[in-house]
Amino acid sequence: MDARHQNANTQTAIWNGSSGRAWVAAQEVLDQMFKPFEDLLVDRMCAGSGPRVLDVGCGTGSTTLAAARRLGAKGQCIGADISAPMIAAAQARAERDGSTARFICADAQTHAFEPASFDRIMSRFGVMFFDKPVEAFANLRLAAREGAELCCIAWRSASDNPFMTTAERAAAPLLPNLPARQPGTPGQFAFADRQRVSSILEQSGWAGIDILPLDVDCTLPEQALVGYFTQLGPVGLFLEEADERTRTQVIETVRAAFDPYAHGTEVRYTAACWMISARAPSA
């Protein structure tokens, strides 16, 4: 098995296992924290009349559902994600809300979308996990109509996002086997390098590429912070197997490390991201 295939299998296992279930459990907190990004994408992607929108890496469906609400009967919104637990949650939300949004459990890198069927393709933190990103964006290009717009939000580097790495930096002395993040590999910061992202889009057939820094103030309730870092990310994965003594030590140490971000009942930080846009070339 080559490394890329192994990475693909790893991502499938992660998002269909404990990480996928953790995101479902934390859905309300995450939706609130990332609401500013949802608003940016929906405002941009739902301008105009009657678009058919694909939401890549839709997770539990918040952005897809928001786009469907904005477009109403004049549009069609489809969310795709590799995680069966998250897609099940998204479908349940759509049914509960009476939404026209549809969801499919699929790997956007390889899924056989109907050719030239989408007017807009968007993603909020969902495109950094492909093991073959050029092939993935080429596949999305085939699914896009001529002149269709692509708009994705992705994280910049780990160094630009100290909040996002606080837990693992603080826990590292207590969890010596905690793996270091590898630049360029599938994961949260895979799109840190702007030139690499531009090259991926160029090689996959997109035109009009524009990649701009995007800094957004985010918040979450202080009472949700411990649940956030014990369920999600590298530390959350390792705490699943930790003994009670280690778990208690890690929680106390990591919570203290977040003190600079805690302001009374609210945790605040700045998310350093890229706003990535491109269009499908016309013949």
Protein backbone atom coordinates (compact mmCIF):
# COMPACT_ATOMS: atom_id res chain seq x y z
CA MET A 1 0.00 0.00 0.00
CA ASP A 2 1.49 3.37 -0.97
CA ALA A 3 1.58 6.32 1.43
CA ARG A 4 -1.16 8.25 -0.36
CA HIS A 5 -3.57 5.32 -0.27
CA GLN A 6 -2.71 4.84 3.38
CA ASN A 7 -3.47 8.53 4.03
CA ALA A 8 -6.83 8.20 2.30
CA ASN A 9 -7.71 5.18 4.41
CA THR A 10 -6.57 7.01 7.53
CA GLN A 11 -8.81 9.99 6.80
CA THR A 12 -11.77 7.68 6.16
CA ALA A 13 -11.15 5.87 9.44
CA ILE A 14 -10.71 9.09 11.42
CA TRP A 15 -13.86 10.79 10.19
CA ASN A 16 -16.01 7.67 10.36
CA GLY A 17 -14.73 6.88 13.85
CA SER A 18 -14.27 8.87 17.02
CA SER A 19 -13.48 12.20 15.32
CA GLY A 20 -16.67 12.12 13.28
CA ARG A 21 -18.72 11.26 16.36
CA ALA A 22 -16.98 14.01 18.36
CA TRP A 23 -17.84 16.61 15.73
CA VAL A 24 -21.48 15.50 15.87
CA ALA A 25 -21.46 15.79 19.67
CA ALA A 26 -19.88 19.27 19.47
CA GLN A 27 -22.08 20.42 16.58
CA GLU A 28 -23.78 23.29 18.40
CA VAL A 29 -20.53 24.75 19.76
CA LEU A 30 -18.71 24.40 16.43
CA ASP A 31 -21.59 25.91 14.46
CA GLN A 32 -21.62 28.92 16.77
CA MET A 33 -17.82 29.31 16.67
CA PHE A 34 -17.62 29.12 12.88
CA LYS A 35 -20.78 31.12 12.14
CA PRO A 36 -18.80 34.11 10.76
CA PHE A 37 -17.32 31.86 8.07
CA GLU A 38 -20.72 30.42 7.24
CA ASP A 39 -22.11 33.92 6.74
CA LEU A 40 -19.21 34.91 4.46
CA LEU A 41 -19.64 31.85 2.26
CA VAL A 42 -23.42 31.98 2.05
CA ASP A 43 -23.42 35.71 1.23
CA ARG A 44 -20.99 35.07 -1.60
CA MET A 45 -22.28 31.77 -2.93
CA CYS A 46 -25.98 32.57 -2.86
CA ALA A 47 -25.94 35.85 -4.75
CA GLY A 48 -27.77 35.71 -8.05
CA SER A 49 -30.63 33.54 -9.22
CA GLY A 50 -31.15 29.82 -9.18
CA PRO A 51 -27.70 28.41 -8.51
CA ARG A 52 -27.02 24.75 -7.84
CA VAL A 53 -24.51 24.64 -4.97
CA LEU A 54 -22.17 21.88 -3.82
CA ASP A 55 -20.79 22.12 -0.27
CA VAL A 56 -17.58 20.06 -0.02
CA GLY A 57 -16.70 18.56 3.35
CA CYS A 58 -20.04 19.78 4.69
CA GLY A 59 -19.72 18.03 8.06
CA THR A 60 -22.97 18.21 10.00
CA GLY A 61 -24.48 20.43 7.34
CA SER A 62 -24.64 23.94 8.79
CA THR A 63 -23.35 25.77 5.70
CA THR A 64 -25.42 23.65 3.32
CA LEU A 65 -28.56 24.27 5.33
CA ALA A 66 -27.84 28.01 5.53
CA ALA A 67 -27.38 28.19 1.75
CA ALA A 68 -30.63 26.29 1.21
CA ARG A 69 -32.48 28.73 3.48
CA ARG A 70 -31.04 31.68 1.60
CA LEU A 71 -31.85 30.33 -1.87
CA GLY A 72 -35.25 28.86 -1.10
CA ALA A 73 -37.08 27.20 -3.95
CA LYS A 74 -34.95 28.92 -6.60
CA GLY A 75 -31.81 26.90 -5.78
CA GLN A 76 -30.58 23.43 -4.94
CA CYS A 77 -27.94 22.69 -2.30
CA ILE A 78 -26.06 19.42 -1.90
CA GLY A 79 -23.61 18.68 0.90
CA ALA A 80 -20.95 15.98 0.56
CA ASP A 81 -18.72 14.55 3.26
CA ILE A 82 -16.68 11.40 3.83
CA SER A 83 -18.04 11.01 7.37
CA ALA A 84 -21.13 8.82 7.71
CA PRO A 85 -21.87 10.01 11.28
CA MET A 86 -21.77 13.64 10.23
CA ILE A 87 -23.86 13.09 7.11
CA ALA A 88 -26.45 11.25 9.21
CA ALA A 89 -26.58 14.24 11.56
CA ALA A 90 -26.89 16.63 8.61
CA GLN A 91 -29.74 14.63 7.09
CA ALA A 92 -31.55 14.56 10.42
CA ARG A 93 -31.20 18.34 10.71
CA ALA A 94 -32.55 18.82 7.18
CA GLU A 95 -35.57 16.63 7.92
CA ARG A 96 -36.19 18.38 11.22
CA ASP A 97 -36.00 21.82 9.57
CA GLY A 98 -37.97 20.84 6.48
CA SER A 99 -34.97 21.90 4.39
CA THR A 100 -34.59 21.27 0.67
CA ALA A 101 -30.86 20.57 1.20
CA ARG A 102 -29.64 17.09 0.31
CA PHE A 103 -26.63 15.23 1.66
CA ILE A 104 -24.44 12.44 0.32
CA CYS A 105 -21.77 10.43 2.08
CA ALA A 106 -19.00 10.59 -0.50
CA ASP A 107 -15.33 11.38 -0.99
CA ALA A 108 -15.32 14.49 -3.19
CA GLN A 109 -11.88 13.45 -4.46
CA THR A 110 -13.27 10.45 -6.32
CA HIS A 111 -17.08 10.68 -6.30
CA ALA A 112 -18.74 10.55 -9.72
CA PHE A 113 -20.68 13.81 -9.59
CA GLU A 114 -22.89 14.60 -12.56
CA PRO A 115 -20.60 16.43 -15.02
CA ALA A 116 -21.04 20.20 -15.37
CA SER A 117 -23.89 20.24 -12.88
CA PHE A 118 -22.94 22.89 -10.27
CA ASP A 119 -22.98 26.67 -10.56
CA ARG A 120 -21.14 27.18 -7.27
CA ILE A 121 -18.84 24.97 -5.22
CA MET A 122 -18.02 26.02 -1.67
CA SER A 123 -16.27 24.66 1.40
CA ARG A 124 -15.76 25.77 4.97
CA PHE A 125 -12.68 23.95 6.26
CA GLY A 126 -13.47 20.85 4.19
CA VAL A 127 -10.80 20.70 1.46
CA MET A 128 -7.58 20.24 3.48
CA PHE A 129 -7.95 16.50 3.94
CA PHE A 130 -7.48 15.18 0.39
CA ASP A 131 -4.50 12.86 -0.04
CA LYS A 132 -4.37 13.80 -3.74
CA PRO A 133 -5.55 17.42 -3.85
CA VAL A 134 -4.86 17.97 -7.56
CA GLU A 135 -7.03 14.98 -8.45
CA ALA A 136 -9.68 16.15 -6.00
CA PHE A 137 -9.95 19.66 -7.43
CA ALA A 138 -9.85 18.25 -10.97
CA ASN A 139 -12.83 16.08 -10.04
CA LEU A 140 -14.64 19.12 -8.66
CA ARG A 141 -13.76 21.02 -11.84
CA LEU A 142 -15.51 18.34 -13.89
CA ALA A 143 -18.59 18.76 -11.70
CA ALA A 144 -18.63 22.53 -12.30
CA ARG A 145 -20.40 24.25 -15.16
CA GLU A 146 -18.51 26.69 -17.39
CA GLY A 147 -17.89 29.87 -15.45
CA ALA A 148 -18.87 28.26 -12.13
CA GLU A 149 -17.37 29.80 -9.01
CA LEU A 150 -15.28 27.97 -6.44
CA CYS A 151 -14.93 29.48 -2.96
CA CYS A 152 -13.18 27.70 -0.09
CA ILE A 153 -12.04 28.80 3.34
CA ALA A 154 -8.99 26.98 4.71
CA TRP A 155 -6.65 27.51 7.64
CA ARG A 156 -3.33 29.23 7.20
CA SER A 157 -0.34 27.86 9.13
CA ALA A 158 -0.17 26.46 12.64
CA SER A 159 2.10 29.35 13.62
CA ASP A 160 -0.58 31.79 12.43
CA ASN A 161 -3.17 29.99 14.59
CA PRO A 162 -1.74 29.59 18.10
CA PHE A 163 -5.18 29.00 19.60
CA MET A 164 -5.62 25.91 17.45
CA THR A 165 -2.36 24.35 18.66
CA THR A 166 -2.54 25.41 22.32
CA ALA A 167 -3.84 22.04 23.51
CA GLU A 168 -1.16 19.93 21.85
CA ARG A 169 1.68 22.27 22.84
CA ALA A 170 0.57 22.25 26.47
CA ALA A 171 -0.11 18.50 26.55
CA ALA A 172 3.09 17.41 24.75
CA PRO A 173 5.19 16.96 27.94
CA LEU A 174 2.46 14.73 29.40
CA LEU A 175 1.76 12.83 26.17
CA PRO A 176 5.21 11.96 24.75
CA ASN A 177 3.71 9.92 21.91
CA LEU A 178 1.56 12.78 20.67
CA PRO A 179 2.53 13.07 16.97
CA ALA A 180 3.81 16.35 15.59
CA ARG A 181 1.88 17.82 12.67
CA GLN A 182 3.60 17.31 9.34
CA PRO A 183 3.41 20.28 6.93
CA GLY A 184 1.66 19.54 3.65
CA THR A 185 0.04 16.30 4.80
CA PRO A 186 -3.76 15.95 4.93
CA GLY A 187 -5.14 17.79 7.91
CA GLN A 188 -6.11 21.15 9.32
CA PHE A 189 -3.05 23.08 8.09
CA ALA A 190 -2.46 21.29 4.79
CA PHE A 191 -3.21 24.48 2.83
CA ALA A 192 -0.91 26.75 4.84
CA ASP A 193 1.33 27.46 1.82
CA ARG A 194 -0.42 29.89 -0.51
CA GLN A 195 1.80 29.03 -3.49
CA ARG A 196 1.08 25.34 -3.05
CA VAL A 197 -2.66 25.99 -3.03
CA SER A 198 -2.39 28.14 -6.14
CA SER A 199 -0.39 25.41 -7.89
CA ILE A 200 -2.97 22.77 -6.94
CA LEU A 201 -5.78 24.82 -8.46
CA GLU A 202 -3.81 25.64 -11.61
CA GLN A 203 -2.88 21.99 -12.17
CA SER A 204 -6.48 20.88 -11.67
CA GLY A 205 -7.84 23.20 -14.34
CA TRP A 206 -9.24 26.17 -12.42
CA ALA A 207 -8.79 29.76 -13.60
CA GLY A 208 -9.07 33.22 -12.06
CA ILE A 209 -7.39 32.01 -8.89
CA ASP A 210 -7.38 34.44 -5.97
CA ILE A 211 -6.08 33.57 -2.50
CA LEU A 212 -6.43 36.26 0.14
CA PRO A 213 -5.71 36.25 3.88
CA LEU A 214 -8.81 36.23 6.04
CA ASP A 215 -8.65 36.97 9.78
CA VAL A 216 -11.86 36.38 11.68
CA ASP A 217 -12.68 36.85 15.37
CA CYS A 218 -14.26 33.71 16.79
CA THR A 219 -15.82 32.91 20.16
CA LEU A 220 -17.06 29.95 22.15
CA PRO A 221 -18.55 29.68 25.64
CA GLU A 222 -15.92 29.22 28.36
CA GLN A 223 -17.95 26.35 29.79
CA ALA A 224 -17.56 24.50 26.47
CA LEU A 225 -13.77 24.84 26.33
CA VAL A 226 -12.81 21.65 28.19
CA GLY A 227 -15.20 19.61 26.08
CA TYR A 228 -13.75 21.24 22.97
CA PHE A 229 -10.11 20.25 23.57
CA THR A 230 -10.84 16.85 25.15
CA GLN A 231 -13.00 15.69 22.25
CA LEU A 232 -11.45 17.28 19.17
CA GLY A 233 -7.99 17.42 17.60
CA PRO A 234 -4.86 15.39 18.36
CA VAL A 235 -5.20 15.72 22.14
CA GLY A 236 -8.80 14.54 22.03
CA LEU A 237 -7.77 11.41 20.13
CA PHE A 238 -5.02 10.57 22.61
CA LEU A 239 -7.20 11.15 25.67
CA GLU A 240 -9.52 8.36 24.52
CA GLU A 241 -6.84 5.84 25.55
CA ALA A 242 -5.34 7.73 28.50
CA ASP A 243 -5.68 6.53 32.08
CA GLU A 244 -7.65 8.68 34.51
CA ARG A 245 -4.59 10.17 36.21
CA THR A 246 -3.04 11.25 32.91
CA ARG A 247 -6.37 12.54 31.66
CA THR A 248 -6.81 14.71 34.77
CA GLN A 249 -3.27 16.09 34.47
CA VAL A 250 -3.71 16.91 30.80
CA ILE A 251 -7.05 18.64 31.33
CA GLU A 252 -5.70 20.80 34.15
CA THR A 253 -2.54 21.72 32.23
CA VAL A 254 -4.25 22.43 28.94
CA ARG A 255 -7.09 24.43 30.49
CA ALA A 256 -4.53 26.68 32.18
CA ALA A 257 -2.76 27.18 28.85
CA PHE A 258 -5.97 28.62 27.40
CA ASP A 259 -6.21 31.31 30.09
CA PRO A 260 -4.99 34.11 27.75
CA TYR A 261 -8.02 33.45 25.53
CA ALA A 262 -10.61 33.28 28.33
CA HIS A 263 -12.53 36.47 29.08
CA GLY A 264 -15.18 35.80 31.70
CA THR A 265 -17.82 33.53 30.21
CA GLU A 266 -16.36 33.73 26.70
CA VAL A 267 -13.28 32.38 24.91
CA ARG A 268 -12.00 34.59 22.08
CA TYR A 269 -9.38 34.08 19.40
CA THR A 270 -8.54 35.14 15.86
CA ALA A 271 -8.76 32.51 13.13
CA ALA A 272 -6.12 33.06 10.44
CA CYS A 273 -7.37 31.61 7.16
CA TRP A 274 -7.29 31.87 3.39
CA MET A 275 -10.26 32.88 1.29
CA ILE A 276 -9.64 30.81 -1.83
CA SER A 277 -11.59 31.56 -4.99
CA ALA A 278 -11.43 30.44 -8.60
CA ARG A 279 -13.71 29.81 -11.55
CA ALA A 280 -14.23 27.06 -14.05
CA PRO A 281 -12.94 28.33 -17.40
CA SER A 282 -15.37 28.86 -20.24
CA ALA A 283 -14.75 27.18 -23.56
